[in-house]
Every structure is written in C-alpha cells, then in structure tokens.
Amino acid sequence: MALTPQNERFILHFGEMGSRWGVNRTVGQIYALLFLSSKPLNADDISETLGFSRSNVSLGLKELQSWRLVKLIHQVGDRRDYFETPKDVWEIFRILMEEKRKREIDPTLSLLRDTLLEPPSGPDEAYAQQRMNEMLELIELSTGWFDEVQRLPPETLQNLMKLGSKVQKVLGFAGKLRGKA
C-alpha cells in the first residue's frame, strides 16, 4: 500500500502524538494507518507500508487490541488476521475515554477512597486528607458528568459541543434569574 504525502504526514503526526498519549510512536502510526485504510489490513501489509518489523507490528496490534481501538477481522479463504478501527469516530472517542478512565481515573478514585477511610494521625495529615477529599469530590463530579454525557446519542453530543461558550452564557443568564427570584 503506497502512502500519499498527506496520509504520511497524518501517520507521522499520530506517531508523535502517541508518545504524548502514553503509547509508543509505532503504536500511534499503526493506529493512524488502520484509521485511514478503507479496508482491513493484515500485519504484513502494515509492516510493509510503515517499514516496521513484523514483531513490532504484532506488539503494536496487541496494544491497540488491549485498548479496544482495533478489531480483529477474518476473511474467507485467508488464514491471516486482519485489523480495522471502528468506523464511527464517536465510538472511537467513547472507547478511548472508557479505557483512559479504567486505566487512570478508577485506580485514583480507589486510592483516594481507601486513603480517606483511615483516620488522620495529626493536623498535617488532616489537612492532606481534606485536600484529597476535595480531589475525590472533583473527580467524582467529573466522572458523573462524563457518564451522563456518554449516554447521549452522538448527534446530541455533537450539538452540545457545537454550543461551546453559548452554554456558559445560558448558565450565567439562568444564575442571574435565580439571583433575582
């Protein structure tokens, strides 16, 4: 599969961004290639197109499968495994957010809840627990909001996001009305 300059730029950029998102460059580039491909690709196709070793591609695909960002596909008459990304970008967004939450947010919530069960041993620890409780409340509020947003149909979520700062204006107006009542 030959890459156009535009696709190559996208793939290279995703590789660089991958390292900022907690995956290595190879994984980011494999994902970008699969995302852009109109048909499922096998590991040999990916290896040849990106110039990566077959073992690096296999490891990258395993990583992407663990994130649920690629699906394994079988084709009739072909024993090789093929891979593709979900077609709906909103589904990709939801999967990514669920995985980030499972891997990063949920363990932090567990730690905070467990830590706050222990009585403080002195004023410094009481202060630290107060700060941890503030963090816990913020994360619980954020995750509760995210759970509500995640249940919205993609069209509604897209419309909500398009509102942008208009939501803040509406909330500010509503707050002024409550203040006058």
C-alpha atoms as a PDB file:
ATOM      1  CA  MET A   1       0.000   0.000   0.000  1.00  0.00           C
ATOM      2  CA  ALA A   2       1.558   3.285  -1.095  1.00  0.00           C
ATOM      3  CA  LEU A   3       1.013   6.327   1.108  1.00  0.00           C
ATOM      4  CA  THR A   4       0.150   9.743  -0.239  1.00  0.00           C
ATOM      5  CA  PRO A   5       2.145  12.651   1.248  1.00  0.00           C
ATOM      6  CA  GLN A   6      -0.993  13.770   3.090  1.00  0.00           C
ATOM      7  CA  ASN A   7      -1.546  10.317   4.641  1.00  0.00           C
ATOM      8  CA  GLU A   8       2.140  10.043   5.501  1.00  0.00           C
ATOM      9  CA  ARG A   9       2.027  13.379   7.376  1.00  0.00           C
ATOM     10  CA  PHE A  10      -1.038  12.233   9.298  1.00  0.00           C
ATOM     11  CA  ILE A  11       0.556   8.905  10.214  1.00  0.00           C
ATOM     12  CA  LEU A  12       3.830  10.524  11.308  1.00  0.00           C
ATOM     13  CA  HIS A  13       1.943  13.076  13.387  1.00  0.00           C
ATOM     14  CA  PHE A  14      -0.096  10.349  15.091  1.00  0.00           C
ATOM     15  CA  GLY A  15       3.142   8.590  15.948  1.00  0.00           C
ATOM     16  CA  GLU A  16       4.440  11.721  17.660  1.00  0.00           C
ATOM     17  CA  MET A  17       1.123  12.298  19.433  1.00  0.00           C
ATOM     18  CA  GLY A  18       1.017   8.678  20.571  1.00  0.00           C
ATOM     19  CA  SER A  19       4.026   9.257  22.802  1.00  0.00           C
ATOM     20  CA  ARG A  20       2.189  12.152  24.434  1.00  0.00           C
ATOM     21  CA  TRP A  21      -0.879   9.955  24.977  1.00  0.00           C
ATOM     22  CA  GLY A  22       1.021   7.136  26.632  1.00  0.00           C
ATOM     23  CA  VAL A  23       1.689   4.784  23.715  1.00  0.00           C
ATOM     24  CA  ASN A  24       4.849   4.498  21.663  1.00  0.00           C
ATOM     25  CA  ARG A  25       5.381   6.012  18.228  1.00  0.00           C
ATOM     26  CA  THR A  26       4.951   2.689  16.429  1.00  0.00           C
ATOM     27  CA  VAL A  27       1.544   2.052  18.020  1.00  0.00           C
ATOM     28  CA  GLY A  28       0.383   5.551  17.079  1.00  0.00           C
ATOM     29  CA  GLN A  29       1.456   5.092  13.477  1.00  0.00           C
ATOM     30  CA  ILE A  30      -0.141   1.645  13.190  1.00  0.00           C
ATOM     31  CA  TYR A  31      -3.388   3.069  14.505  1.00  0.00           C
ATOM     32  CA  ALA A  32      -3.283   6.006  12.096  1.00  0.00           C
ATOM     33  CA  LEU A  33      -2.670   3.695   9.125  1.00  0.00           C
ATOM     34  CA  LEU A  34      -5.587   1.462  10.095  1.00  0.00           C
ATOM     35  CA  PHE A  35      -7.779   4.504  10.704  1.00  0.00           C
ATOM     36  CA  LEU A  36      -7.093   5.830   7.207  1.00  0.00           C
ATOM     37  CA  SER A  37      -7.373   2.472   5.432  1.00  0.00           C
ATOM     38  CA  SER A  38     -10.615   1.819   3.551  1.00  0.00           C
ATOM     39  CA  LYS A  39     -10.171  -1.924   4.089  1.00  0.00           C
ATOM     40  CA  PRO A  40      -8.867  -4.129   6.909  1.00  0.00           C
ATOM     41  CA  LEU A  41      -5.101  -4.715   6.838  1.00  0.00           C
ATOM     42  CA  ASN A  42      -3.027  -7.680   7.975  1.00  0.00           C
ATOM     43  CA  ALA A  43       0.250  -7.407   9.869  1.00  0.00           C
ATOM     44  CA  ASP A  44       2.308  -7.965   6.706  1.00  0.00           C
ATOM     45  CA  ASP A  45       0.525  -5.075   4.948  1.00  0.00           C
ATOM     46  CA  ILE A  46       1.158  -2.818   7.942  1.00  0.00           C
ATOM     47  CA  SER A  47       4.792  -3.886   8.265  1.00  0.00           C
ATOM     48  CA  GLU A  48       5.474  -3.305   4.574  1.00  0.00           C
ATOM     49  CA  THR A  49       3.687   0.064   4.419  1.00  0.00           C
ATOM     50  CA  LEU A  50       5.273   1.528   7.548  1.00  0.00           C
ATOM     51  CA  GLY A  51       8.645  -0.181   7.298  1.00  0.00           C
ATOM     52  CA  PHE A  52       8.363  -1.722  10.767  1.00  0.00           C
ATOM     53  CA  SER A  53       9.492  -5.199  11.724  1.00  0.00           C
ATOM     54  CA  ARG A  54       6.774  -7.826  11.874  1.00  0.00           C
ATOM     55  CA  SER A  55       7.379  -8.288  15.609  1.00  0.00           C
ATOM     56  CA  ASN A  56       6.925  -4.542  16.279  1.00  0.00           C
ATOM     57  CA  VAL A  57       3.682  -4.603  14.314  1.00  0.00           C
ATOM     58  CA  SER A  58       2.438  -7.634  16.265  1.00  0.00           C
ATOM     59  CA  LEU A  59       3.218  -5.945  19.585  1.00  0.00           C
ATOM     60  CA  GLY A  60       1.569  -2.734  18.417  1.00  0.00           C
ATOM     61  CA  LEU A  61      -1.568  -4.563  17.327  1.00  0.00           C
ATOM     62  CA  LYS A  62      -1.780  -6.351  20.681  1.00  0.00           C
ATOM     63  CA  GLU A  63      -1.524  -2.977  22.437  1.00  0.00           C
ATOM     64  CA  LEU A  64      -4.267  -1.493  20.248  1.00  0.00           C
ATOM     65  CA  GLN A  65      -6.465  -4.535  20.863  1.00  0.00           C
ATOM     66  CA  SER A  66      -5.991  -4.135  24.620  1.00  0.00           C
ATOM     67  CA  TRP A  67      -7.279  -0.559  24.230  1.00  0.00           C
ATOM     68  CA  ARG A  68     -10.186  -1.914  22.099  1.00  0.00           C
ATOM     69  CA  LEU A  69      -9.173   0.546  19.355  1.00  0.00           C
ATOM     70  CA  VAL A  70      -8.784  -2.104  16.643  1.00  0.00           C
ATOM     71  CA  LYS A  71     -10.956  -5.074  15.792  1.00  0.00           C
ATOM     72  CA  LEU A  72      -9.755  -8.442  14.548  1.00  0.00           C
ATOM     73  CA  ILE A  73     -11.339  -9.473  11.243  1.00  0.00           C
ATOM     74  CA  HIS A  74     -11.124 -12.790   9.398  1.00  0.00           C
ATOM     75  CA  GLN A  75     -11.536 -13.115   5.659  1.00  0.00           C
ATOM     76  CA  VAL A  76     -12.845 -16.188   3.869  1.00  0.00           C
ATOM     77  CA  GLY A  77     -10.041 -18.273   2.356  1.00  0.00           C
ATOM     78  CA  ASP A  78      -7.292 -16.350   4.179  1.00  0.00           C
ATOM     79  CA  ARG A  79      -5.773 -17.621   7.417  1.00  0.00           C
ATOM     80  CA  ARG A  80      -4.196 -14.269   8.314  1.00  0.00           C
ATOM     81  CA  ASP A  81      -5.676 -11.908  10.864  1.00  0.00           C
ATOM     82  CA  TYR A  82      -6.876  -8.561   9.553  1.00  0.00           C
ATOM     83  CA  PHE A  83      -7.447  -5.438  11.595  1.00  0.00           C
ATOM     84  CA  GLU A  84      -9.564  -2.321  11.347  1.00  0.00           C
ATOM     85  CA  THR A  85     -10.597   0.571  13.542  1.00  0.00           C
ATOM     86  CA  PRO A  86     -14.221   1.294  14.395  1.00  0.00           C
ATOM     87  CA  LYS A  87     -15.718   3.360  11.576  1.00  0.00           C
ATOM     88  CA  ASP A  88     -17.616   5.810  13.798  1.00  0.00           C
ATOM     89  CA  VAL A  89     -15.307   8.487  15.259  1.00  0.00           C
ATOM     90  CA  TRP A  90     -17.708   8.995  18.171  1.00  0.00           C
ATOM     91  CA  GLU A  91     -17.387   5.300  19.020  1.00  0.00           C
ATOM     92  CA  ILE A  92     -13.598   5.656  18.936  1.00  0.00           C
ATOM     93  CA  PHE A  93     -13.841   8.656  21.263  1.00  0.00           C
ATOM     94  CA  ARG A  94     -16.081   6.770  23.700  1.00  0.00           C
ATOM     95  CA  ILE A  95     -13.820   3.707  23.721  1.00  0.00           C
ATOM     96  CA  LEU A  96     -10.745   5.840  24.299  1.00  0.00           C
ATOM     97  CA  MET A  97     -12.395   7.709  27.170  1.00  0.00           C
ATOM     98  CA  GLU A  98     -13.639   4.465  28.755  1.00  0.00           C
ATOM     99  CA  GLU A  99     -10.169   2.928  28.570  1.00  0.00           C
ATOM    100  CA  LYS A 100      -8.468   6.058  29.937  1.00  0.00           C
ATOM    101  CA  ARG A 101     -10.950   6.076  32.799  1.00  0.00           C
ATOM    102  CA  LYS A 102     -10.458   2.376  33.535  1.00  0.00           C
ATOM    103  CA  ARG A 103      -6.657   2.706  33.470  1.00  0.00           C
ATOM    104  CA  GLU A 104      -6.133   6.121  35.086  1.00  0.00           C
ATOM    105  CA  ILE A 105      -9.196   7.536  36.841  1.00  0.00           C
ATOM    106  CA  ASP A 106     -10.671   4.448  38.520  1.00  0.00           C
ATOM    107  CA  PRO A 107      -7.410   3.457  40.279  1.00  0.00           C
ATOM    108  CA  THR A 108      -7.050   7.043  41.538  1.00  0.00           C
ATOM    109  CA  LEU A 109     -10.615   7.000  42.878  1.00  0.00           C
ATOM    110  CA  SER A 110      -9.944   3.698  44.652  1.00  0.00           C
ATOM    111  CA  LEU A 111      -6.760   5.035  46.218  1.00  0.00           C
ATOM    112  CA  LEU A 112      -8.446   8.226  47.398  1.00  0.00           C
ATOM    113  CA  ARG A 113     -11.444   6.369  48.861  1.00  0.00           C
ATOM    114  CA  ASP A 114      -9.221   3.846  50.649  1.00  0.00           C
ATOM    115  CA  THR A 115      -6.912   6.555  51.979  1.00  0.00           C
ATOM    116  CA  LEU A 116      -9.793   8.647  53.288  1.00  0.00           C
ATOM    117  CA  LEU A 117     -11.149   5.690  55.291  1.00  0.00           C
ATOM    118  CA  GLU A 118      -8.136   5.935  57.600  1.00  0.00           C
ATOM    119  CA  PRO A 119      -8.381   8.482  60.418  1.00  0.00           C
ATOM    120  CA  PRO A 120      -5.756  11.249  60.255  1.00  0.00           C
ATOM    121  CA  SER A 121      -2.903  10.946  62.748  1.00  0.00           C
ATOM    122  CA  GLY A 122      -2.440  14.684  63.210  1.00  0.00           C
ATOM    123  CA  PRO A 123      -3.160  18.150  61.837  1.00  0.00           C
ATOM    124  CA  ASP A 124      -0.872  17.805  58.821  1.00  0.00           C
ATOM    125  CA  GLU A 125      -2.494  14.554  57.803  1.00  0.00           C
ATOM    126  CA  ALA A 126      -5.965  16.023  58.426  1.00  0.00           C
ATOM    127  CA  TYR A 127      -5.080  18.865  56.058  1.00  0.00           C
ATOM    128  CA  ALA A 128      -3.755  16.391  53.476  1.00  0.00           C
ATOM    129  CA  GLN A 129      -6.954  14.337  53.762  1.00  0.00           C
ATOM    130  CA  GLN A 130      -9.041  17.485  53.303  1.00  0.00           C
ATOM    131  CA  ARG A 131      -7.149  18.159  50.058  1.00  0.00           C
ATOM    132  CA  MET A 132      -7.549  14.530  48.972  1.00  0.00           C
ATOM    133  CA  ASN A 133     -11.278  14.754  49.702  1.00  0.00           C
ATOM    134  CA  GLU A 134     -11.518  17.868  47.506  1.00  0.00           C
ATOM    135  CA  MET A 135      -9.752  15.938  44.746  1.00  0.00           C
ATOM    136  CA  LEU A 136     -12.096  12.971  45.229  1.00  0.00           C
ATOM    137  CA  GLU A 137     -15.179  15.201  45.015  1.00  0.00           C
ATOM    138  CA  LEU A 138     -13.888  16.851  41.825  1.00  0.00           C
ATOM    139  CA  ILE A 139     -13.099  13.524  40.148  1.00  0.00           C
ATOM    140  CA  GLU A 140     -16.451  12.021  41.192  1.00  0.00           C
ATOM    141  CA  LEU A 141     -18.289  15.076  39.870  1.00  0.00           C
ATOM    142  CA  SER A 142     -16.343  14.936  36.609  1.00  0.00           C
ATOM    143  CA  THR A 143     -16.836  11.202  36.110  1.00  0.00           C
ATOM    144  CA  GLY A 144     -20.541  11.507  36.949  1.00  0.00           C
ATOM    145  CA  TRP A 145     -20.855  14.241  34.331  1.00  0.00           C
ATOM    146  CA  PHE A 146     -18.906  12.151  31.846  1.00  0.00           C
ATOM    147  CA  ASP A 147     -21.206   9.163  32.488  1.00  0.00           C
ATOM    148  CA  GLU A 148     -24.234  11.349  31.712  1.00  0.00           C
ATOM    149  CA  VAL A 149     -22.637  12.785  28.562  1.00  0.00           C
ATOM    150  CA  GLN A 150     -21.550   9.334  27.407  1.00  0.00           C
ATOM    151  CA  ARG A 151     -25.185   8.175  27.407  1.00  0.00           C
ATOM    152  CA  LEU A 152     -26.131  10.911  24.920  1.00  0.00           C
ATOM    153  CA  PRO A 153     -26.595   9.930  21.282  1.00  0.00           C
ATOM    154  CA  PRO A 154     -23.677  11.111  19.097  1.00  0.00           C
ATOM    155  CA  GLU A 155     -25.859  13.729  17.354  1.00  0.00           C
ATOM    156  CA  THR A 156     -26.884  15.285  20.680  1.00  0.00           C
ATOM    157  CA  LEU A 157     -23.309  15.249  21.945  1.00  0.00           C
ATOM    158  CA  GLN A 158     -22.101  16.879  18.750  1.00  0.00           C
ATOM    159  CA  ASN A 159     -24.765  19.600  19.043  1.00  0.00           C
ATOM    160  CA  LEU A 160     -23.834  20.161  22.686  1.00  0.00           C
ATOM    161  CA  MET A 161     -20.172  20.530  21.777  1.00  0.00           C
ATOM    162  CA  LYS A 162     -21.047  22.973  18.986  1.00  0.00           C
ATOM    163  CA  LEU A 163     -22.801  25.193  21.525  1.00  0.00           C
ATOM    164  CA  GLY A 164     -19.438  25.845  23.173  1.00  0.00           C
ATOM    165  CA  SER A 165     -19.402  29.128  25.084  1.00  0.00           C
ATOM    166  CA  LYS A 166     -23.141  29.596  24.477  1.00  0.00           C
ATOM    167  CA  VAL A 167     -23.742  27.050  27.260  1.00  0.00           C
ATOM    168  CA  GLN A 168     -21.786  29.256  29.663  1.00  0.00           C
ATOM    169  CA  LYS A 169     -23.885  32.280  28.657  1.00  0.00           C
ATOM    170  CA  VAL A 170     -27.123  30.337  29.210  1.00  0.00           C
ATOM    171  CA  LEU A 171     -25.931  29.139  32.610  1.00  0.00           C
ATOM    172  CA  GLY A 172     -24.859  32.679  33.523  1.00  0.00           C
ATOM    173  CA  PHE A 173     -28.259  34.022  32.497  1.00  0.00           C
ATOM    174  CA  ALA A 174     -30.007  31.272  34.497  1.00  0.00           C
ATOM    175  CA  GLY A 175     -27.856  32.149  37.516  1.00  0.00           C
ATOM    176  CA  LYS A 176     -28.857  35.808  37.239  1.00  0.00           C
ATOM    177  CA  LEU A 177     -32.533  34.805  37.091  1.00  0.00           C
ATOM    178  CA  ARG A 178     -32.139  32.689  40.242  1.00  0.00           C
ATOM    179  CA  GLY A 179     -30.432  35.606  41.993  1.00  0.00           C
ATOM    180  CA  LYS A 180     -33.407  37.895  41.251  1.00  0.00           C
ATOM    181  CA  ALA A 181     -36.009  35.398  42.421  1.00  0.00           C
END
